[in-house]
Amino acid sequence: MACKFKPRFPSLTAIEDAWQREATRVAVEKARAVVSGGALPPMTPVGRLSDSEWGWIVAAVLFGWITTRSRQATSNGVGPDKYLYVNEMLNPDPWDAGAIEAILPELGNCEADWSKSLSQFSREEMIAFLGDAYNLIGKAMLARDKGEKLVTRKGPPGAAEPTEEQADWNDPVPF
C-alpha cells in the first residue's frame, strides 16, 4: 500500500517570519544580558538610565539583530541587501531616511525663498527645489552604498569637526 502522506514545506513567508522571530529573540537576549550582566547598576529604574546606559542596551539589541540577519544572509547565500538594508515593513525605510537626513543641512542652503511655505512655491520654484533635493539624495545614497566621499563626512550634531591632522579620510571607520 502506497503512503498517502505528502510532506508540506514551509512557505518563504513562514521561513522569513521564523528568522525575524529569531533575530528579535537574540536582540532581546542581548539587551537582557546588558541589564543583568553588570553593565548597568542592578534594579535601576528605566527612567533613571543615562544616555550611555541606554546606548549599551541599544547597541546590544542592534548587534544581536544584525548578527542573526547576517547569519540568515550567509545561510541563504545572499548579500546584506536582502536582510539588513531592505525593510519593506517600515515606511520610510530607515536606511533611506538616514541618507536623506544627512543632506538636510545642504538642502537648506539651496536657492529657495524660505519665507514661503512649499505650498506657495511656483511650479518652477518647486521643480528647481525638487531637482536639487533629488540630486542631493542621489549623491547621499551613492555615498551610503559605495562609501565614496560624495557627501561630506560630518559627525553627529554638536560634534567637533576633525582637524586635518585628525581626519584620515581613507579610514573606513572614522571614529
N, C-alpha and C. Protein backbone atom coordinates (compact mmCIF):
# COMPACT_ATOMS: atom_id res chain seq x y z
N MET A 1 0.84 -1.18 0.00
CA MET A 1 0.00 0.00 0.00
C MET A 1 0.89 1.24 0.00
N ALA A 2 0.60 2.17 -0.89
CA ALA A 2 1.40 3.39 -1.04
C ALA A 2 1.08 4.37 0.07
N CYS A 3 2.08 5.06 0.46
CA CYS A 3 1.90 6.07 1.51
C CYS A 3 1.18 7.28 0.91
N LYS A 4 0.17 7.75 1.60
CA LYS A 4 -0.61 8.89 1.11
C LYS A 4 -0.11 10.21 1.72
N PHE A 5 0.89 10.11 2.56
CA PHE A 5 1.41 11.31 3.21
C PHE A 5 2.27 12.10 2.24
N LYS A 6 1.95 13.36 2.07
CA LYS A 6 2.75 14.26 1.24
C LYS A 6 3.33 15.34 2.14
N PRO A 7 4.64 15.40 2.19
CA PRO A 7 5.24 16.41 3.07
C PRO A 7 4.93 17.82 2.57
N ARG A 8 4.67 18.69 3.53
CA ARG A 8 4.47 20.10 3.20
C ARG A 8 5.69 20.87 3.66
N PHE A 9 6.18 21.70 2.79
CA PHE A 9 7.32 22.53 3.13
C PHE A 9 6.82 23.90 3.53
N PRO A 10 7.51 24.53 4.47
CA PRO A 10 7.05 25.86 4.89
C PRO A 10 7.19 26.86 3.74
N SER A 11 6.30 27.82 3.74
CA SER A 11 6.36 28.87 2.71
C SER A 11 7.55 29.78 2.99
N LEU A 12 7.93 30.54 1.97
CA LEU A 12 9.02 31.50 2.16
C LEU A 12 8.67 32.53 3.22
N THR A 13 7.39 32.91 3.28
CA THR A 13 6.94 33.87 4.29
C THR A 13 7.11 33.28 5.69
N ALA A 14 6.76 32.01 5.85
CA ALA A 14 6.90 31.37 7.16
C ALA A 14 8.37 31.27 7.57
N ILE A 15 9.24 30.99 6.61
CA ILE A 15 10.68 30.92 6.91
C ILE A 15 11.20 32.29 7.29
N GLU A 16 10.80 33.32 6.55
CA GLU A 16 11.22 34.70 6.87
C GLU A 16 10.70 35.10 8.25
N ASP A 17 9.45 34.75 8.56
CA ASP A 17 8.90 35.05 9.89
C ASP A 17 9.72 34.38 10.99
N ALA A 18 10.14 33.14 10.74
CA ALA A 18 10.94 32.43 11.74
C ALA A 18 12.28 33.14 11.95
N TRP A 19 12.91 33.60 10.87
CA TRP A 19 14.17 34.34 11.00
C TRP A 19 13.95 35.66 11.75
N GLN A 20 12.86 36.36 11.45
CA GLN A 20 12.56 37.62 12.15
C GLN A 20 12.36 37.36 13.64
N ARG A 21 11.63 36.30 13.97
CA ARG A 21 11.42 35.96 15.38
C ARG A 21 12.75 35.64 16.06
N GLU A 22 13.62 34.91 15.35
CA GLU A 22 14.93 34.58 15.90
C GLU A 22 15.77 35.84 16.10
N ALA A 23 15.75 36.74 15.13
CA ALA A 23 16.51 37.99 15.26
C ALA A 23 16.00 38.80 16.45
N THR A 24 14.70 38.85 16.62
CA THR A 24 14.12 39.57 17.75
C THR A 24 14.47 38.89 19.07
N ARG A 25 14.39 37.56 19.10
CA ARG A 25 14.73 36.81 20.32
C ARG A 25 16.18 37.08 20.73
N VAL A 26 17.09 37.03 19.76
CA VAL A 26 18.50 37.27 20.06
C VAL A 26 18.71 38.72 20.51
N ALA A 27 18.04 39.67 19.87
CA ALA A 27 18.17 41.08 20.25
C ALA A 27 17.72 41.29 21.70
N VAL A 28 16.59 40.69 22.07
CA VAL A 28 16.10 40.82 23.45
C VAL A 28 17.06 40.12 24.41
N GLU A 29 17.56 38.97 24.02
CA GLU A 29 18.52 38.23 24.85
C GLU A 29 19.76 39.09 25.12
N LYS A 30 20.26 39.75 24.09
CA LYS A 30 21.45 40.60 24.24
C LYS A 30 21.15 41.79 25.15
N ALA A 31 19.97 42.39 25.02
CA ALA A 31 19.60 43.51 25.88
C ALA A 31 19.51 43.05 27.33
N ARG A 32 18.91 41.89 27.55
CA ARG A 32 18.81 41.35 28.92
C ARG A 32 20.19 41.07 29.50
N ALA A 33 21.11 40.61 28.64
CA ALA A 33 22.47 40.34 29.10
C ALA A 33 23.14 41.62 29.58
N VAL A 34 22.91 42.73 28.90
CA VAL A 34 23.48 44.01 29.33
C VAL A 34 22.90 44.41 30.68
N VAL A 35 21.59 44.25 30.81
CA VAL A 35 20.91 44.68 32.03
C VAL A 35 21.29 43.80 33.21
N SER A 36 21.40 42.49 32.99
CA SER A 36 21.67 41.58 34.11
C SER A 36 23.14 41.23 34.25
N GLY A 37 23.96 41.64 33.29
CA GLY A 37 25.36 41.22 33.30
C GLY A 37 26.32 42.17 33.98
N GLY A 38 25.83 43.17 34.68
CA GLY A 38 26.71 44.06 35.41
C GLY A 38 27.08 45.33 34.69
N ALA A 39 26.67 45.49 33.44
CA ALA A 39 26.98 46.73 32.73
C ALA A 39 26.17 47.89 33.27
N LEU A 40 25.02 47.58 33.86
CA LEU A 40 24.16 48.60 34.46
C LEU A 40 23.97 48.28 35.94
N PRO A 41 23.77 49.30 36.74
CA PRO A 41 23.51 49.04 38.16
C PRO A 41 22.22 48.20 38.30
N PRO A 42 22.24 47.17 39.13
CA PRO A 42 21.06 46.32 39.28
C PRO A 42 19.85 47.11 39.76
N MET A 43 18.70 46.73 39.24
CA MET A 43 17.41 47.29 39.65
C MET A 43 17.27 48.79 39.35
N THR A 44 18.03 49.32 38.42
CA THR A 44 17.90 50.72 38.03
C THR A 44 16.59 50.91 37.30
N PRO A 45 15.75 51.84 37.75
CA PRO A 45 14.52 52.11 37.02
C PRO A 45 14.84 52.64 35.62
N VAL A 46 14.02 52.27 34.67
CA VAL A 46 14.24 52.67 33.28
C VAL A 46 14.36 54.17 33.15
N GLY A 47 13.55 54.92 33.87
CA GLY A 47 13.58 56.37 33.78
C GLY A 47 14.86 56.99 34.28
N ARG A 48 15.68 56.24 34.99
CA ARG A 48 16.93 56.78 35.52
C ARG A 48 18.16 56.36 34.73
N LEU A 49 17.96 55.65 33.64
CA LEU A 49 19.11 55.25 32.83
C LEU A 49 19.71 56.46 32.15
N SER A 50 21.02 56.52 32.12
CA SER A 50 21.72 57.61 31.44
C SER A 50 21.73 57.34 29.94
N ASP A 51 22.11 58.33 29.18
CA ASP A 51 22.24 58.13 27.73
C ASP A 51 23.26 57.04 27.43
N SER A 52 24.33 57.01 28.18
CA SER A 52 25.35 55.99 27.98
C SER A 52 24.79 54.59 28.25
N GLU A 53 24.03 54.45 29.31
CA GLU A 53 23.43 53.15 29.64
C GLU A 53 22.41 52.73 28.58
N TRP A 54 21.61 53.68 28.12
CA TRP A 54 20.69 53.38 27.01
C TRP A 54 21.49 52.95 25.78
N GLY A 55 22.61 53.61 25.57
CA GLY A 55 23.46 53.26 24.43
C GLY A 55 23.93 51.82 24.48
N TRP A 56 24.30 51.33 25.67
CA TRP A 56 24.71 49.94 25.82
C TRP A 56 23.57 49.00 25.45
N ILE A 57 22.36 49.32 25.88
CA ILE A 57 21.21 48.47 25.59
C ILE A 57 20.91 48.48 24.09
N VAL A 58 20.87 49.67 23.52
CA VAL A 58 20.57 49.78 22.08
C VAL A 58 21.63 49.08 21.25
N ALA A 59 22.90 49.27 21.60
CA ALA A 59 23.99 48.61 20.86
C ALA A 59 23.85 47.09 20.94
N ALA A 60 23.50 46.58 22.11
CA ALA A 60 23.33 45.14 22.27
C ALA A 60 22.18 44.62 21.41
N VAL A 61 21.08 45.38 21.38
CA VAL A 61 19.93 44.98 20.56
C VAL A 61 20.32 44.97 19.08
N LEU A 62 20.94 46.04 18.62
CA LEU A 62 21.35 46.11 17.21
C LEU A 62 22.33 45.01 16.87
N PHE A 63 23.30 44.79 17.73
CA PHE A 63 24.31 43.76 17.47
C PHE A 63 23.65 42.38 17.36
N GLY A 64 22.74 42.08 18.28
CA GLY A 64 22.05 40.78 18.24
C GLY A 64 21.21 40.62 16.99
N TRP A 65 20.48 41.66 16.62
CA TRP A 65 19.60 41.59 15.44
C TRP A 65 20.43 41.46 14.17
N ILE A 66 21.45 42.30 14.04
CA ILE A 66 22.28 42.28 12.84
C ILE A 66 23.03 40.95 12.72
N THR A 67 23.52 40.43 13.83
CA THR A 67 24.23 39.15 13.80
C THR A 67 23.33 38.05 13.26
N THR A 68 22.09 38.00 13.72
CA THR A 68 21.17 36.97 13.26
C THR A 68 20.82 37.16 11.79
N ARG A 69 20.55 38.39 11.39
CA ARG A 69 20.22 38.64 9.98
C ARG A 69 21.41 38.36 9.07
N SER A 70 22.63 38.62 9.57
CA SER A 70 23.83 38.29 8.81
C SER A 70 23.97 36.78 8.67
N ARG A 71 23.66 36.05 9.74
CA ARG A 71 23.69 34.59 9.67
C ARG A 71 22.68 34.09 8.65
N GLN A 72 21.50 34.72 8.61
CA GLN A 72 20.48 34.36 7.61
C GLN A 72 21.00 34.61 6.20
N ALA A 73 21.61 35.77 5.98
CA ALA A 73 22.12 36.10 4.64
C ALA A 73 23.20 35.10 4.23
N THR A 74 24.05 34.74 5.17
CA THR A 74 25.10 33.77 4.88
C THR A 74 24.52 32.39 4.60
N SER A 75 23.55 31.97 5.42
CA SER A 75 22.92 30.66 5.24
C SER A 75 22.20 30.56 3.90
N ASN A 76 21.62 31.66 3.48
CA ASN A 76 20.86 31.65 2.23
C ASN A 76 21.69 32.05 1.03
N GLY A 77 22.96 32.40 1.26
CA GLY A 77 23.86 32.74 0.16
C GLY A 77 23.49 34.02 -0.56
N VAL A 78 22.99 35.01 0.18
CA VAL A 78 22.67 36.30 -0.43
C VAL A 78 23.45 37.40 0.28
N GLY A 79 23.52 38.55 -0.34
CA GLY A 79 24.23 39.68 0.24
C GLY A 79 23.41 40.35 1.33
N PRO A 80 23.99 41.37 1.95
CA PRO A 80 23.33 42.05 3.06
C PRO A 80 22.09 42.84 2.65
N ASP A 81 21.97 43.19 1.37
CA ASP A 81 20.82 44.00 0.95
C ASP A 81 19.50 43.34 1.33
N LYS A 82 19.40 42.07 1.15
CA LYS A 82 18.12 41.36 1.34
C LYS A 82 17.66 41.39 2.79
N TYR A 83 18.57 41.22 3.73
CA TYR A 83 18.15 41.05 5.11
C TYR A 83 18.54 42.18 6.05
N LEU A 84 19.49 43.01 5.66
CA LEU A 84 19.91 44.07 6.57
C LEU A 84 19.44 45.44 6.15
N TYR A 85 19.48 45.74 4.87
CA TYR A 85 19.19 47.09 4.43
C TYR A 85 17.74 47.28 4.00
N VAL A 86 17.18 46.31 3.33
CA VAL A 86 15.83 46.44 2.79
C VAL A 86 14.84 46.04 3.86
N ASN A 87 13.98 46.96 4.22
CA ASN A 87 12.96 46.66 5.21
C ASN A 87 11.64 47.16 4.67
N GLU A 88 10.92 46.28 4.02
CA GLU A 88 9.69 46.67 3.35
C GLU A 88 8.56 46.99 4.32
N MET A 89 8.72 46.63 5.59
CA MET A 89 7.66 46.88 6.55
C MET A 89 7.67 48.30 7.08
N LEU A 90 8.80 48.98 6.98
CA LEU A 90 8.90 50.33 7.51
C LEU A 90 8.85 51.34 6.39
N ASN A 91 8.07 52.38 6.59
CA ASN A 91 7.96 53.43 5.60
C ASN A 91 8.01 54.77 6.33
N PRO A 92 9.04 55.57 6.10
CA PRO A 92 10.12 55.36 5.14
C PRO A 92 11.11 54.34 5.68
N ASP A 93 11.81 53.70 4.77
CA ASP A 93 12.83 52.75 5.12
C ASP A 93 13.92 53.49 5.89
N PRO A 94 14.31 53.03 7.08
CA PRO A 94 15.32 53.75 7.86
C PRO A 94 16.65 53.88 7.14
N TRP A 95 16.99 52.95 6.28
CA TRP A 95 18.24 53.01 5.53
C TRP A 95 18.21 54.22 4.59
N ASP A 96 17.06 54.45 3.96
CA ASP A 96 16.89 55.61 3.09
C ASP A 96 16.75 56.89 3.91
N ALA A 97 15.99 56.83 5.00
CA ALA A 97 15.75 58.02 5.82
C ALA A 97 17.07 58.58 6.36
N GLY A 98 17.99 57.71 6.74
CA GLY A 98 19.28 58.17 7.24
C GLY A 98 20.08 58.91 6.17
N ALA A 99 20.05 58.39 4.95
CA ALA A 99 20.76 59.06 3.86
C ALA A 99 20.12 60.41 3.56
N ILE A 100 18.81 60.47 3.58
CA ILE A 100 18.10 61.73 3.30
C ILE A 100 18.37 62.74 4.42
N GLU A 101 18.36 62.26 5.66
CA GLU A 101 18.61 63.17 6.78
C GLU A 101 20.00 63.81 6.67
N ALA A 102 20.96 63.06 6.12
CA ALA A 102 22.32 63.57 6.01
C ALA A 102 22.42 64.78 5.07
N ILE A 103 21.48 64.92 4.14
CA ILE A 103 21.57 66.02 3.17
C ILE A 103 20.74 67.24 3.58
N LEU A 104 19.98 67.15 4.66
CA LEU A 104 19.11 68.26 5.03
C LEU A 104 19.84 69.59 5.23
N PRO A 105 21.00 69.62 5.90
CA PRO A 105 21.68 70.92 6.02
C PRO A 105 22.04 71.51 4.66
N GLU A 106 22.52 70.67 3.76
CA GLU A 106 22.89 71.16 2.43
C GLU A 106 21.64 71.56 1.63
N LEU A 107 20.56 70.83 1.83
CA LEU A 107 19.31 71.16 1.15
C LEU A 107 18.80 72.53 1.60
N GLY A 108 19.00 72.83 2.88
CA GLY A 108 18.61 74.14 3.39
C GLY A 108 19.39 75.29 2.77
N ASN A 109 20.54 74.98 2.19
CA ASN A 109 21.36 76.00 1.54
C ASN A 109 20.99 76.20 0.07
N CYS A 110 20.05 75.41 -0.43
CA CYS A 110 19.63 75.56 -1.84
C CYS A 110 18.94 76.91 -2.01
N GLU A 111 19.03 77.41 -3.23
CA GLU A 111 18.38 78.69 -3.51
C GLU A 111 16.87 78.48 -3.53
N ALA A 112 16.22 79.03 -2.52
CA ALA A 112 14.76 78.96 -2.42
C ALA A 112 14.32 80.11 -1.52
N ASP A 113 13.12 80.55 -1.72
CA ASP A 113 12.57 81.60 -0.87
C ASP A 113 11.97 80.93 0.35
N TRP A 114 12.79 80.79 1.40
CA TRP A 114 12.37 80.07 2.59
C TRP A 114 11.38 80.85 3.44
N SER A 115 11.04 82.08 3.03
CA SER A 115 10.00 82.81 3.75
C SER A 115 8.62 82.30 3.36
N LYS A 116 8.56 81.52 2.26
CA LYS A 116 7.29 80.94 1.80
C LYS A 116 7.23 79.47 2.20
N SER A 117 5.99 78.98 2.38
CA SER A 117 5.83 77.55 2.59
C SER A 117 5.95 76.85 1.24
N LEU A 118 6.20 75.56 1.25
CA LEU A 118 6.33 74.82 -0.01
C LEU A 118 5.06 74.93 -0.86
N SER A 119 3.92 74.99 -0.21
CA SER A 119 2.67 75.08 -0.98
C SER A 119 2.54 76.41 -1.72
N GLN A 120 3.35 77.40 -1.33
CA GLN A 120 3.33 78.70 -2.01
C GLN A 120 4.37 78.80 -3.12
N PHE A 121 5.20 77.78 -3.29
CA PHE A 121 6.18 77.81 -4.36
C PHE A 121 5.48 77.78 -5.71
N SER A 122 6.04 78.52 -6.65
CA SER A 122 5.52 78.43 -8.01
C SER A 122 5.93 77.07 -8.58
N ARG A 123 5.36 76.73 -9.70
CA ARG A 123 5.69 75.46 -10.36
C ARG A 123 7.19 75.38 -10.63
N GLU A 124 7.76 76.46 -11.14
CA GLU A 124 9.18 76.50 -11.47
C GLU A 124 10.05 76.39 -10.21
N GLU A 125 9.64 77.10 -9.14
CA GLU A 125 10.39 77.02 -7.88
C GLU A 125 10.35 75.60 -7.31
N MET A 126 9.19 74.96 -7.39
CA MET A 126 9.05 73.60 -6.87
C MET A 126 9.90 72.63 -7.68
N ILE A 127 9.91 72.78 -9.00
CA ILE A 127 10.73 71.90 -9.85
C ILE A 127 12.20 72.09 -9.52
N ALA A 128 12.64 73.33 -9.35
CA ALA A 128 14.04 73.60 -9.02
C ALA A 128 14.40 73.01 -7.66
N PHE A 129 13.52 73.22 -6.67
CA PHE A 129 13.77 72.69 -5.33
C PHE A 129 13.83 71.17 -5.34
N LEU A 130 12.85 70.53 -5.96
CA LEU A 130 12.83 69.07 -6.00
C LEU A 130 14.00 68.51 -6.81
N GLY A 131 14.41 69.23 -7.84
CA GLY A 131 15.58 68.81 -8.61
C GLY A 131 16.83 68.83 -7.74
N ASP A 132 16.99 69.91 -6.96
CA ASP A 132 18.13 69.99 -6.04
C ASP A 132 18.07 68.85 -5.01
N ALA A 133 16.88 68.63 -4.46
CA ALA A 133 16.71 67.56 -3.46
C ALA A 133 17.02 66.20 -4.08
N TYR A 134 16.53 65.98 -5.27
CA TYR A 134 16.76 64.71 -5.97
C TYR A 134 18.26 64.47 -6.19
N ASN A 135 18.97 65.49 -6.64
CA ASN A 135 20.41 65.37 -6.87
C ASN A 135 21.17 65.09 -5.56
N LEU A 136 20.81 65.81 -4.51
CA LEU A 136 21.48 65.61 -3.22
C LEU A 136 21.19 64.23 -2.65
N ILE A 137 19.95 63.79 -2.74
CA ILE A 137 19.59 62.47 -2.24
C ILE A 137 20.31 61.39 -3.04
N GLY A 138 20.39 61.57 -4.35
CA GLY A 138 21.12 60.60 -5.18
C GLY A 138 22.57 60.48 -4.76
N LYS A 139 23.23 61.63 -4.52
CA LYS A 139 24.62 61.62 -4.07
C LYS A 139 24.74 60.94 -2.70
N ALA A 140 23.80 61.24 -1.81
CA ALA A 140 23.85 60.65 -0.46
C ALA A 140 23.69 59.14 -0.53
N MET A 141 22.78 58.67 -1.35
CA MET A 141 22.57 57.22 -1.44
C MET A 141 23.75 56.53 -2.11
N LEU A 142 24.37 57.19 -3.06
CA LEU A 142 25.56 56.63 -3.69
C LEU A 142 26.70 56.58 -2.67
N ALA A 143 26.85 57.64 -1.88
CA ALA A 143 27.89 57.66 -0.85
C ALA A 143 27.62 56.58 0.19
N ARG A 144 26.36 56.43 0.56
CA ARG A 144 25.99 55.40 1.54
C ARG A 144 26.29 54.01 1.00
N ASP A 145 25.93 53.75 -0.25
CA ASP A 145 26.05 52.42 -0.82
C ASP A 145 27.46 52.09 -1.27
N LYS A 146 28.21 53.09 -1.73
CA LYS A 146 29.54 52.84 -2.29
C LYS A 146 30.65 53.30 -1.36
N GLY A 147 30.31 54.06 -0.33
CA GLY A 147 31.31 54.52 0.60
C GLY A 147 32.21 55.61 0.07
N GLU A 148 31.84 56.24 -1.01
CA GLU A 148 32.66 57.31 -1.57
C GLU A 148 32.40 58.60 -0.83
N LYS A 149 33.35 59.53 -0.91
CA LYS A 149 33.21 60.82 -0.24
C LYS A 149 32.42 61.79 -1.11
N LEU A 150 31.25 61.37 -1.53
CA LEU A 150 30.43 62.22 -2.39
C LEU A 150 29.62 63.23 -1.58
N VAL A 151 29.45 62.95 -0.31
CA VAL A 151 28.78 63.85 0.61
C VAL A 151 29.75 64.03 1.76
N THR A 152 29.78 65.19 2.37
CA THR A 152 30.74 65.44 3.43
C THR A 152 30.56 64.46 4.56
N ARG A 153 31.66 64.11 5.20
CA ARG A 153 31.64 63.17 6.31
C ARG A 153 31.63 63.98 7.59
N LYS A 154 30.47 64.34 8.05
CA LYS A 154 30.34 65.09 9.28
C LYS A 154 29.92 64.15 10.39
N GLY A 155 30.29 64.49 11.59
CA GLY A 155 29.89 63.70 12.74
C GLY A 155 28.47 64.01 13.12
N PRO A 156 28.01 63.46 14.24
CA PRO A 156 26.66 63.74 14.70
C PRO A 156 26.52 65.21 15.09
N PRO A 157 25.29 65.71 15.16
CA PRO A 157 25.09 67.12 15.52
C PRO A 157 25.81 67.47 16.81
N GLY A 158 26.50 68.57 16.82
CA GLY A 158 27.20 69.03 18.02
C GLY A 158 28.62 68.51 18.14
N ALA A 159 29.00 67.56 17.28
CA ALA A 159 30.36 67.01 17.36
C ALA A 159 31.34 68.00 16.77
N ALA A 160 32.52 68.05 17.35
CA ALA A 160 33.56 68.94 16.82
C ALA A 160 34.05 68.39 15.49
N GLU A 161 34.30 69.29 14.57
CA GLU A 161 34.84 68.87 13.27
C GLU A 161 36.29 68.46 13.45
N PRO A 162 36.72 67.35 12.84
CA PRO A 162 38.11 66.93 12.99
C PRO A 162 39.04 67.89 12.27
N THR A 163 40.22 68.05 12.85
CA THR A 163 41.23 68.87 12.17
C THR A 163 41.86 68.03 11.07
N GLU A 164 42.63 68.66 10.20
CA GLU A 164 43.24 67.94 9.09
C GLU A 164 44.18 66.84 9.62
N GLU A 165 44.86 67.12 10.77
CA GLU A 165 45.76 66.11 11.33
C GLU A 165 44.97 64.92 11.86
N GLN A 166 43.77 65.15 12.40
CA GLN A 166 42.97 64.08 12.99
C GLN A 166 42.21 63.29 11.94
N ALA A 167 41.86 63.93 10.86
CA ALA A 167 40.97 63.29 9.89
C ALA A 167 41.76 62.40 8.94
N ASP A 168 41.47 61.13 8.95
CA ASP A 168 42.01 60.21 7.96
C ASP A 168 40.84 59.83 7.06
N TRP A 169 40.71 60.50 5.94
CA TRP A 169 39.54 60.33 5.08
C TRP A 169 39.50 58.98 4.40
N ASN A 170 40.58 58.21 4.47
CA ASN A 170 40.57 56.86 3.91
C ASN A 170 40.21 55.81 4.95
N ASP A 171 40.06 56.24 6.19
CA ASP A 171 39.70 55.32 7.27
C ASP A 171 38.24 54.90 7.12
N PRO A 172 37.96 53.60 6.96
CA PRO A 172 36.57 53.18 6.81
C PRO A 172 35.76 53.38 8.08
N VAL A 173 36.41 53.48 9.23
CA VAL A 173 35.73 53.74 10.49
C VAL A 173 36.28 55.06 11.02
N PRO A 174 35.58 56.19 10.76
CA PRO A 174 36.17 57.49 11.05
C PRO A 174 36.07 57.95 12.50
N PHE A 175 35.83 57.06 13.44
CA PHE A 175 35.74 57.47 14.83
C PHE A 175 36.52 56.52 15.72
